Amino acid sequence: MAGTTAIEWTDATWNPVTGCTKISAGCDNCYAERFSERFRGVPGHPFEHGFDLLLRPERLEQPLAWKSPKMIFVNSMSDLFHKEVPFPFVDRVFDTMERADWHTFQILTKRSSRMRDYVNRRYKDEAAPAHIWLGTSVEDGSRKSRIRHMQGMNASIKFLSVEPLIGPMGQMNLDGIDWVIVGGESGPRARPMLPDWVREVRDQCVEAGVAFFFKQWGGIRPKSGGRTLDGFEWNQLPSEEPSQGIVSVAAE
């Protein structure tokens, strides 16, 4: 539940909460649910209760024991801003992140208005620390209200995870957005992602000077379709110049 990960845009995962419930079409084929439910009823397994939402207070200080700096994805198996996660518990997660400031923490939610309201209360006089990156998932153009929630949040680094991209995004307002990740769905019921949907997002990021990261095409397995777009790998991070993080693989 903690440590290394195969997710391309992070180094480690930290899950002080596990389990979730679905709120939009992007959740339909949730990889975390699929994985967790395999172990429902297995005595002693971390996912003995499947994908039921559980607080894990024993994990709250795990990042403090990791002495070398890491990029840490917070709650890869849940959503920290689920309505059933009480704010006093969220406070404890943020307390740990603030103390462990040698790491970079990436928090991703579909409950973007709840995150905005929490962050704006906690950091009412200044932006959230720069080592705490705050993002929301946007699966198609019908969910662009989440982008507006991010733009109204008092954060230093704001990002979008456009994954799984299940429909065209259309025109996006990227003002104040620092990073955009795009990826296709994976798993046995993976929905296809059209190349023009990805290009549309990439081109808007390039025009706006926003870092762009293309994670995967998706398919039965995450790596099934590779991760090159028009002969390039796009690996940009928020701290990089727009021309960095682009690797040509056209000759392969």
C-alpha atoms as a PDB file:
ATOM      1  CA  MET A   1       0.000   0.000   0.000  1.00  0.00           C
ATOM      2  CA  ALA A   2       3.045   2.264   0.295  1.00  0.00           C
ATOM      3  CA  GLY A   3       6.393   2.432  -1.441  1.00  0.00           C
ATOM      4  CA  THR A   4       7.206   1.999  -5.113  1.00  0.00           C
ATOM      5  CA  THR A   5       4.625   2.151  -7.890  1.00  0.00           C
ATOM      6  CA  ALA A   6       4.317   1.566 -11.637  1.00  0.00           C
ATOM      7  CA  ILE A   7       2.487   4.875 -12.151  1.00  0.00           C
ATOM      8  CA  GLU A   8       4.671   6.846 -14.537  1.00  0.00           C
ATOM      9  CA  TRP A   9       4.215  10.299 -13.029  1.00  0.00           C
ATOM     10  CA  THR A  10       5.035   9.484  -9.406  1.00  0.00           C
ATOM     11  CA  ASP A  11       7.567   7.550  -7.311  1.00  0.00           C
ATOM     12  CA  ALA A  12       5.491   6.120  -4.484  1.00  0.00           C
ATOM     13  CA  THR A  13       1.957   5.806  -3.153  1.00  0.00           C
ATOM     14  CA  TRP A  14       0.597   6.513   0.320  1.00  0.00           C
ATOM     15  CA  ASN A  15      -2.879   5.372   1.294  1.00  0.00           C
ATOM     16  CA  PRO A  16      -4.064   6.674   4.677  1.00  0.00           C
ATOM     17  CA  VAL A  17      -7.570   6.020   3.297  1.00  0.00           C
ATOM     18  CA  THR A  18      -8.701   3.122   1.109  1.00  0.00           C
ATOM     19  CA  GLY A  19     -11.983   2.490  -0.653  1.00  0.00           C
ATOM     20  CA  CYS A  20     -14.364   4.833  -2.415  1.00  0.00           C
ATOM     21  CA  THR A  21     -17.735   5.172  -4.178  1.00  0.00           C
ATOM     22  CA  LYS A  22     -18.490   6.130  -7.772  1.00  0.00           C
ATOM     23  CA  ILE A  23     -19.662   9.616  -8.684  1.00  0.00           C
ATOM     24  CA  SER A  24     -19.256   9.934 -12.471  1.00  0.00           C
ATOM     25  CA  ALA A  25     -18.630   7.981 -15.676  1.00  0.00           C
ATOM     26  CA  GLY A  26     -14.873   8.094 -15.182  1.00  0.00           C
ATOM     27  CA  CYS A  27     -15.346   5.809 -12.161  1.00  0.00           C
ATOM     28  CA  ASP A  28     -17.230   3.086 -14.040  1.00  0.00           C
ATOM     29  CA  ASN A  29     -14.265   0.737 -14.504  1.00  0.00           C
ATOM     30  CA  CYS A  30     -12.212   1.831 -11.490  1.00  0.00           C
ATOM     31  CA  TYR A  31      -8.904  -0.059 -11.340  1.00  0.00           C
ATOM     32  CA  ALA A  32      -8.664   0.378  -7.558  1.00  0.00           C
ATOM     33  CA  GLU A  33     -12.086  -1.166  -7.011  1.00  0.00           C
ATOM     34  CA  ARG A  34     -11.293  -4.049  -9.352  1.00  0.00           C
ATOM     35  CA  PHE A  35      -8.057  -4.780  -7.490  1.00  0.00           C
ATOM     36  CA  SER A  36      -9.516  -4.408  -3.997  1.00  0.00           C
ATOM     37  CA  GLU A  37     -12.569  -6.560  -4.532  1.00  0.00           C
ATOM     38  CA  ARG A  38     -10.393  -9.517  -5.490  1.00  0.00           C
ATOM     39  CA  PHE A  39      -9.465  -9.835  -1.824  1.00  0.00           C
ATOM     40  CA  ARG A  40     -12.815  -9.219  -0.153  1.00  0.00           C
ATOM     41  CA  GLY A  41     -13.287 -11.779   2.615  1.00  0.00           C
ATOM     42  CA  VAL A  42      -9.629 -12.864   2.716  1.00  0.00           C
ATOM     43  CA  PRO A  43      -8.836 -12.816   6.459  1.00  0.00           C
ATOM     44  CA  GLY A  44      -5.966 -10.502   7.385  1.00  0.00           C
ATOM     45  CA  HIS A  45      -5.540  -9.055   3.904  1.00  0.00           C
ATOM     46  CA  PRO A  46      -5.343  -5.232   3.678  1.00  0.00           C
ATOM     47  CA  PHE A  47      -8.407  -5.399   1.413  1.00  0.00           C
ATOM     48  CA  GLU A  48     -10.333  -7.943   3.459  1.00  0.00           C
ATOM     49  CA  HIS A  49     -13.252  -5.484   3.266  1.00  0.00           C
ATOM     50  CA  GLY A  50     -12.899  -4.962  -0.469  1.00  0.00           C
ATOM     51  CA  PHE A  51     -13.386  -1.398  -1.626  1.00  0.00           C
ATOM     52  CA  ASP A  52     -15.372  -0.245   1.406  1.00  0.00           C
ATOM     53  CA  LEU A  53     -14.102   3.136   2.562  1.00  0.00           C
ATOM     54  CA  LEU A  54     -11.755   2.773   5.543  1.00  0.00           C
ATOM     55  CA  LEU A  55      -9.591   5.248   7.429  1.00  0.00           C
ATOM     56  CA  ARG A  56      -6.080   3.911   8.110  1.00  0.00           C
ATOM     57  CA  PRO A  57      -4.704   6.005  11.007  1.00  0.00           C
ATOM     58  CA  GLU A  58      -1.779   3.609  11.453  1.00  0.00           C
ATOM     59  CA  ARG A  59      -0.463   4.816   8.073  1.00  0.00           C
ATOM     60  CA  LEU A  60      -0.677   8.538   8.759  1.00  0.00           C
ATOM     61  CA  GLU A  61       3.029   9.029   9.451  1.00  0.00           C
ATOM     62  CA  GLN A  62       4.499   6.645   6.875  1.00  0.00           C
ATOM     63  CA  PRO A  63       6.105   9.379   4.702  1.00  0.00           C
ATOM     64  CA  LEU A  64       8.060  10.656   7.707  1.00  0.00           C
ATOM     65  CA  ALA A  65      10.013   7.382   7.704  1.00  0.00           C
ATOM     66  CA  TRP A  66      11.010   7.768   4.025  1.00  0.00           C
ATOM     67  CA  LYS A  67      14.190   9.791   4.300  1.00  0.00           C
ATOM     68  CA  SER A  68      15.060  10.195   0.614  1.00  0.00           C
ATOM     69  CA  PRO A  69      12.859  12.658  -1.315  1.00  0.00           C
ATOM     70  CA  LYS A  70      10.007  11.081  -3.264  1.00  0.00           C
ATOM     71  CA  MET A  71       7.106  12.136  -5.427  1.00  0.00           C
ATOM     72  CA  ILE A  72       4.194  10.623  -3.493  1.00  0.00           C
ATOM     73  CA  PHE A  73       0.697  10.024  -4.878  1.00  0.00           C
ATOM     74  CA  VAL A  74      -1.696  10.367  -1.937  1.00  0.00           C
ATOM     75  CA  ASN A  75      -4.575   7.867  -1.863  1.00  0.00           C
ATOM     76  CA  SER A  76      -4.055   6.010  -5.101  1.00  0.00           C
ATOM     77  CA  MET A  77      -6.691   3.586  -3.733  1.00  0.00           C
ATOM     78  CA  SER A  78      -9.240   6.150  -2.565  1.00  0.00           C
ATOM     79  CA  ASP A  79     -10.215   9.825  -2.606  1.00  0.00           C
ATOM     80  CA  LEU A  80      -9.073  11.935   0.334  1.00  0.00           C
ATOM     81  CA  PHE A  81     -11.997  14.316  -0.191  1.00  0.00           C
ATOM     82  CA  HIS A  82     -14.734  11.693  -0.183  1.00  0.00           C
ATOM     83  CA  LYS A  83     -17.648  13.037   1.865  1.00  0.00           C
ATOM     84  CA  GLU A  84     -17.225  10.228   4.415  1.00  0.00           C
ATOM     85  CA  VAL A  85     -13.634  11.202   5.224  1.00  0.00           C
ATOM     86  CA  PRO A  86     -13.990  13.618   8.156  1.00  0.00           C
ATOM     87  CA  PHE A  87     -12.061  16.874   7.948  1.00  0.00           C
ATOM     88  CA  PRO A  88     -10.201  16.206  11.247  1.00  0.00           C
ATOM     89  CA  PHE A  89      -8.676  13.155   9.535  1.00  0.00           C
ATOM     90  CA  VAL A  90      -7.848  15.209   6.439  1.00  0.00           C
ATOM     91  CA  ASP A  91      -6.161  17.669   8.810  1.00  0.00           C
ATOM     92  CA  ARG A  92      -3.877  14.888  10.041  1.00  0.00           C
ATOM     93  CA  VAL A  93      -2.941  13.943   6.464  1.00  0.00           C
ATOM     94  CA  PHE A  94      -2.038  17.567   5.708  1.00  0.00           C
ATOM     95  CA  ASP A  95      -0.144  17.847   8.997  1.00  0.00           C
ATOM     96  CA  THR A  96       2.080  14.955   7.898  1.00  0.00           C
ATOM     97  CA  MET A  97       2.607  16.443   4.438  1.00  0.00           C
ATOM     98  CA  GLU A  98       3.597  19.784   5.896  1.00  0.00           C
ATOM     99  CA  ARG A  99       6.099  18.097   8.232  1.00  0.00           C
ATOM    100  CA  ALA A 100       7.555  15.879   5.472  1.00  0.00           C
ATOM    101  CA  ASP A 101       8.476  18.811   3.266  1.00  0.00           C
ATOM    102  CA  TRP A 102      11.405  17.030   1.588  1.00  0.00           C
ATOM    103  CA  HIS A 103       8.819  15.033  -0.401  1.00  0.00           C
ATOM    104  CA  THR A 104       6.415  16.225  -3.093  1.00  0.00           C
ATOM    105  CA  PHE A 105       2.827  15.126  -2.487  1.00  0.00           C
ATOM    106  CA  GLN A 106       0.247  14.769  -5.253  1.00  0.00           C
ATOM    107  CA  ILE A 107      -3.410  14.735  -4.187  1.00  0.00           C
ATOM    108  CA  LEU A 108      -6.002  13.882  -6.817  1.00  0.00           C
ATOM    109  CA  THR A 109      -9.770  14.040  -6.306  1.00  0.00           C
ATOM    110  CA  LYS A 110     -13.049  13.978  -8.185  1.00  0.00           C
ATOM    111  CA  ARG A 111     -14.623  15.894  -5.272  1.00  0.00           C
ATOM    112  CA  SER A 112     -13.019  19.125  -6.426  1.00  0.00           C
ATOM    113  CA  SER A 113     -15.407  21.539  -4.707  1.00  0.00           C
ATOM    114  CA  ARG A 114     -14.849  19.838  -1.345  1.00  0.00           C
ATOM    115  CA  MET A 115     -11.089  20.037  -1.822  1.00  0.00           C
ATOM    116  CA  ARG A 116     -11.286  23.695  -2.829  1.00  0.00           C
ATOM    117  CA  ASP A 117     -13.347  24.589   0.237  1.00  0.00           C
ATOM    118  CA  TYR A 118     -11.009  22.695   2.582  1.00  0.00           C
ATOM    119  CA  VAL A 119      -7.808  24.136   1.099  1.00  0.00           C
ATOM    120  CA  ASN A 120      -9.174  27.680   1.121  1.00  0.00           C
ATOM    121  CA  ARG A 121     -10.039  27.347   4.801  1.00  0.00           C
ATOM    122  CA  ARG A 122      -6.709  25.819   5.769  1.00  0.00           C
ATOM    123  CA  TYR A 123      -4.621  28.216   3.694  1.00  0.00           C
ATOM    124  CA  LYS A 124      -6.794  31.310   3.820  1.00  0.00           C
ATOM    125  CA  ASP A 125      -3.888  33.772   4.047  1.00  0.00           C
ATOM    126  CA  GLU A 126      -1.405  32.151   1.651  1.00  0.00           C
ATOM    127  CA  ALA A 127      -1.241  29.410  -0.956  1.00  0.00           C
ATOM    128  CA  ALA A 128      -0.786  25.781   0.048  1.00  0.00           C
ATOM    129  CA  PRO A 129       2.919  24.822   0.266  1.00  0.00           C
ATOM    130  CA  ALA A 130       4.614  24.319  -3.086  1.00  0.00           C
ATOM    131  CA  HIS A 131       5.500  20.692  -2.263  1.00  0.00           C
ATOM    132  CA  ILE A 132       1.777  19.811  -2.015  1.00  0.00           C
ATOM    133  CA  TRP A 133       0.353  19.533  -5.535  1.00  0.00           C
ATOM    134  CA  LEU A 134      -3.444  19.525  -5.779  1.00  0.00           C
ATOM    135  CA  GLY A 135      -5.349  18.085  -8.713  1.00  0.00           C
ATOM    136  CA  THR A 136      -8.692  16.888 -10.013  1.00  0.00           C
ATOM    137  CA  SER A 137      -9.776  14.192 -12.461  1.00  0.00           C
ATOM    138  CA  VAL A 138     -11.659  15.291 -15.584  1.00  0.00           C
ATOM    139  CA  GLU A 139     -12.774  12.489 -17.879  1.00  0.00           C
ATOM    140  CA  ASP A 140     -14.527  14.435 -20.653  1.00  0.00           C
ATOM    141  CA  GLY A 141     -15.918  17.838 -21.544  1.00  0.00           C
ATOM    142  CA  SER A 142     -18.983  17.404 -19.327  1.00  0.00           C
ATOM    143  CA  ARG A 143     -16.827  17.650 -16.169  1.00  0.00           C
ATOM    144  CA  LYS A 144     -15.055  20.943 -16.804  1.00  0.00           C
ATOM    145  CA  SER A 145     -16.667  22.484 -13.719  1.00  0.00           C
ATOM    146  CA  ARG A 146     -13.950  20.661 -11.768  1.00  0.00           C
ATOM    147  CA  ILE A 147     -11.363  22.785 -13.572  1.00  0.00           C
ATOM    148  CA  ARG A 148     -13.119  25.925 -12.360  1.00  0.00           C
ATOM    149  CA  HIS A 149     -13.033  24.576  -8.808  1.00  0.00           C
ATOM    150  CA  MET A 150      -9.265  24.149  -9.126  1.00  0.00           C
ATOM    151  CA  GLN A 151      -8.857  27.667 -10.466  1.00  0.00           C
ATOM    152  CA  GLY A 152     -10.632  29.000  -7.377  1.00  0.00           C
ATOM    153  CA  MET A 153      -8.357  27.137  -4.974  1.00  0.00           C
ATOM    154  CA  ASN A 154      -5.526  28.704  -2.995  1.00  0.00           C
ATOM    155  CA  ALA A 155      -2.839  26.272  -4.176  1.00  0.00           C
ATOM    156  CA  SER A 156       0.729  26.690  -5.417  1.00  0.00           C
ATOM    157  CA  ILE A 157       0.594  23.815  -7.934  1.00  0.00           C
ATOM    158  CA  LYS A 158      -2.701  22.857  -9.588  1.00  0.00           C
ATOM    159  CA  PHE A 159      -3.036  19.934 -11.969  1.00  0.00           C
ATOM    160  CA  LEU A 160      -5.559  17.972 -13.994  1.00  0.00           C
ATOM    161  CA  SER A 161      -5.647  14.227 -14.557  1.00  0.00           C
ATOM    162  CA  VAL A 162      -7.580  13.755 -17.789  1.00  0.00           C
ATOM    163  CA  GLU A 163      -7.764  10.003 -17.246  1.00  0.00           C
ATOM    164  CA  PRO A 164      -9.491   7.938 -18.302  1.00  0.00           C
ATOM    165  CA  LEU A 165     -10.213  10.233 -21.221  1.00  0.00           C
ATOM    166  CA  ILE A 166     -13.536   8.805 -22.456  1.00  0.00           C
ATOM    167  CA  GLY A 167     -14.715  11.662 -24.665  1.00  0.00           C
ATOM    168  CA  PRO A 168     -13.501  14.913 -26.205  1.00  0.00           C
ATOM    169  CA  MET A 169     -12.639  17.718 -23.798  1.00  0.00           C
ATOM    170  CA  GLY A 170     -13.379  20.563 -26.175  1.00  0.00           C
ATOM    171  CA  GLN A 171     -12.062  24.031 -25.404  1.00  0.00           C
ATOM    172  CA  MET A 172     -10.459  24.236 -21.969  1.00  0.00           C
ATOM    173  CA  ASN A 173      -9.666  27.264 -19.834  1.00  0.00           C
ATOM    174  CA  LEU A 174      -6.210  26.432 -18.447  1.00  0.00           C
ATOM    175  CA  ASP A 175      -5.611  29.712 -16.612  1.00  0.00           C
ATOM    176  CA  GLY A 176      -3.800  28.930 -13.371  1.00  0.00           C
ATOM    177  CA  ILE A 177      -3.307  25.239 -14.229  1.00  0.00           C
ATOM    178  CA  ASP A 178       0.306  24.056 -13.989  1.00  0.00           C
ATOM    179  CA  TRP A 179       0.162  20.476 -15.270  1.00  0.00           C
ATOM    180  CA  VAL A 180      -2.113  18.196 -17.296  1.00  0.00           C
ATOM    181  CA  ILE A 181      -1.868  14.400 -17.382  1.00  0.00           C
ATOM    182  CA  VAL A 182      -3.735  12.448 -20.070  1.00  0.00           C
ATOM    183  CA  GLY A 183      -4.275   8.700 -20.175  1.00  0.00           C
ATOM    184  CA  GLY A 184      -6.523   6.042 -21.669  1.00  0.00           C
ATOM    185  CA  GLU A 185      -8.475   3.504 -19.664  1.00  0.00           C
ATOM    186  CA  SER A 186      -7.107   0.029 -18.979  1.00  0.00           C
ATOM    187  CA  GLY A 187      -8.671  -3.255 -17.935  1.00  0.00           C
ATOM    188  CA  PRO A 188     -11.052  -5.833 -19.378  1.00  0.00           C
ATOM    189  CA  ARG A 189     -13.784  -3.240 -20.130  1.00  0.00           C
ATOM    190  CA  ALA A 190     -11.497  -0.409 -21.211  1.00  0.00           C
ATOM    191  CA  ARG A 191     -13.222   2.243 -23.299  1.00  0.00           C
ATOM    192  CA  PRO A 192     -11.255   3.450 -26.343  1.00  0.00           C
ATOM    193  CA  MET A 193      -9.566   6.853 -26.443  1.00  0.00           C
ATOM    194  CA  LEU A 194      -9.350   8.553 -29.836  1.00  0.00           C
ATOM    195  CA  PRO A 195      -6.007  10.138 -30.822  1.00  0.00           C
ATOM    196  CA  ASP A 196      -7.675  13.422 -31.751  1.00  0.00           C
ATOM    197  CA  TRP A 197      -9.025  13.771 -28.193  1.00  0.00           C
ATOM    198  CA  VAL A 198      -5.463  13.563 -26.876  1.00  0.00           C
ATOM    199  CA  ARG A 199      -4.044  15.927 -29.496  1.00  0.00           C
ATOM    200  CA  GLU A 200      -6.763  18.457 -28.675  1.00  0.00           C
ATOM    201  CA  VAL A 201      -5.655  18.551 -25.023  1.00  0.00           C
ATOM    202  CA  ARG A 202      -1.936  18.515 -25.874  1.00  0.00           C
ATOM    203  CA  ASP A 203      -2.244  21.382 -28.324  1.00  0.00           C
ATOM    204  CA  GLN A 204      -4.088  23.532 -25.805  1.00  0.00           C
ATOM    205  CA  CYS A 205      -1.410  22.811 -23.190  1.00  0.00           C
ATOM    206  CA  VAL A 206       1.355  23.762 -25.622  1.00  0.00           C
ATOM    207  CA  GLU A 207      -0.430  26.973 -26.556  1.00  0.00           C
ATOM    208  CA  ALA A 208      -1.017  27.880 -22.894  1.00  0.00           C
ATOM    209  CA  GLY A 209       2.499  26.927 -21.763  1.00  0.00           C
ATOM    210  CA  VAL A 210       1.141  24.232 -19.422  1.00  0.00           C
ATOM    211  CA  ALA A 211       3.260  21.123 -18.717  1.00  0.00           C
ATOM    212  CA  PHE A 212       1.806  18.062 -20.478  1.00  0.00           C
ATOM    213  CA  PHE A 213       2.300  14.402 -19.525  1.00  0.00           C
ATOM    214  CA  PHE A 214       0.951  11.603 -21.701  1.00  0.00           C
ATOM    215  CA  LYS A 215       0.672   8.521 -19.528  1.00  0.00           C
ATOM    216  CA  GLN A 216      -0.721   5.763 -21.756  1.00  0.00           C
ATOM    217  CA  TRP A 217      -3.093   4.760 -24.539  1.00  0.00           C
ATOM    218  CA  GLY A 218      -4.552   2.024 -22.352  1.00  0.00           C
ATOM    219  CA  GLY A 219      -6.176  -1.231 -23.355  1.00  0.00           C
ATOM    220  CA  ILE A 220      -6.494  -4.591 -21.658  1.00  0.00           C
ATOM    221  CA  ARG A 221      -3.326  -3.763 -19.725  1.00  0.00           C
ATOM    222  CA  PRO A 222      -2.023  -0.279 -18.882  1.00  0.00           C
ATOM    223  CA  LYS A 223       0.979  -0.730 -21.157  1.00  0.00           C
ATOM    224  CA  SER A 224      -0.923  -2.388 -24.011  1.00  0.00           C
ATOM    225  CA  GLY A 225      -0.864   0.602 -26.333  1.00  0.00           C
ATOM    226  CA  GLY A 226       2.389   2.199 -25.218  1.00  0.00           C
ATOM    227  CA  ARG A 227       2.668   5.886 -24.385  1.00  0.00           C
ATOM    228  CA  THR A 228       3.980   7.689 -27.440  1.00  0.00           C
ATOM    229  CA  LEU A 229       1.949  10.406 -29.120  1.00  0.00           C
ATOM    230  CA  ASP A 230       2.866  11.276 -32.703  1.00  0.00           C
ATOM    231  CA  GLY A 231       6.334   9.803 -32.229  1.00  0.00           C
ATOM    232  CA  PHE A 232       7.126  11.467 -28.905  1.00  0.00           C
ATOM    233  CA  GLU A 233       6.904  10.727 -25.204  1.00  0.00           C
ATOM    234  CA  TRP A 234       5.558  13.672 -23.264  1.00  0.00           C
ATOM    235  CA  ASN A 235       6.968  13.610 -19.732  1.00  0.00           C
ATOM    236  CA  GLN A 236       6.732  17.230 -18.649  1.00  0.00           C
ATOM    237  CA  LEU A 237       6.368  18.183 -14.987  1.00  0.00           C
ATOM    238  CA  PRO A 238       5.122  21.493 -13.574  1.00  0.00           C
ATOM    239  CA  SER A 239       8.609  22.740 -12.760  1.00  0.00           C
ATOM    240  CA  GLU A 240       9.903  22.251 -16.305  1.00  0.00           C
ATOM    241  CA  GLU A 241      10.045  24.600 -19.245  1.00  0.00           C
ATOM    242  CA  PRO A 242       7.553  23.716 -22.023  1.00  0.00           C
ATOM    243  CA  SER A 243      10.319  22.304 -24.256  1.00  0.00           C
ATOM    244  CA  GLN A 244      11.609  19.905 -21.588  1.00  0.00           C
ATOM    245  CA  GLY A 245      10.379  16.405 -20.886  1.00  0.00           C
ATOM    246  CA  ILE A 246       9.658  15.602 -24.551  1.00  0.00           C
ATOM    247  CA  VAL A 247      11.516  12.524 -25.797  1.00  0.00           C
ATOM    248  CA  SER A 248      11.616  11.630 -29.477  1.00  0.00           C
ATOM    249  CA  VAL A 249      11.040   7.933 -30.123  1.00  0.00           C
ATOM    250  CA  ALA A 250      10.144   8.279 -33.795  1.00  0.00           C
ATOM    251  CA  ALA A 251      13.042   6.086 -34.893  1.00  0.00           C
ATOM    252  CA  GLU A 252      11.939   3.102 -32.821  1.00  0.00           C
END
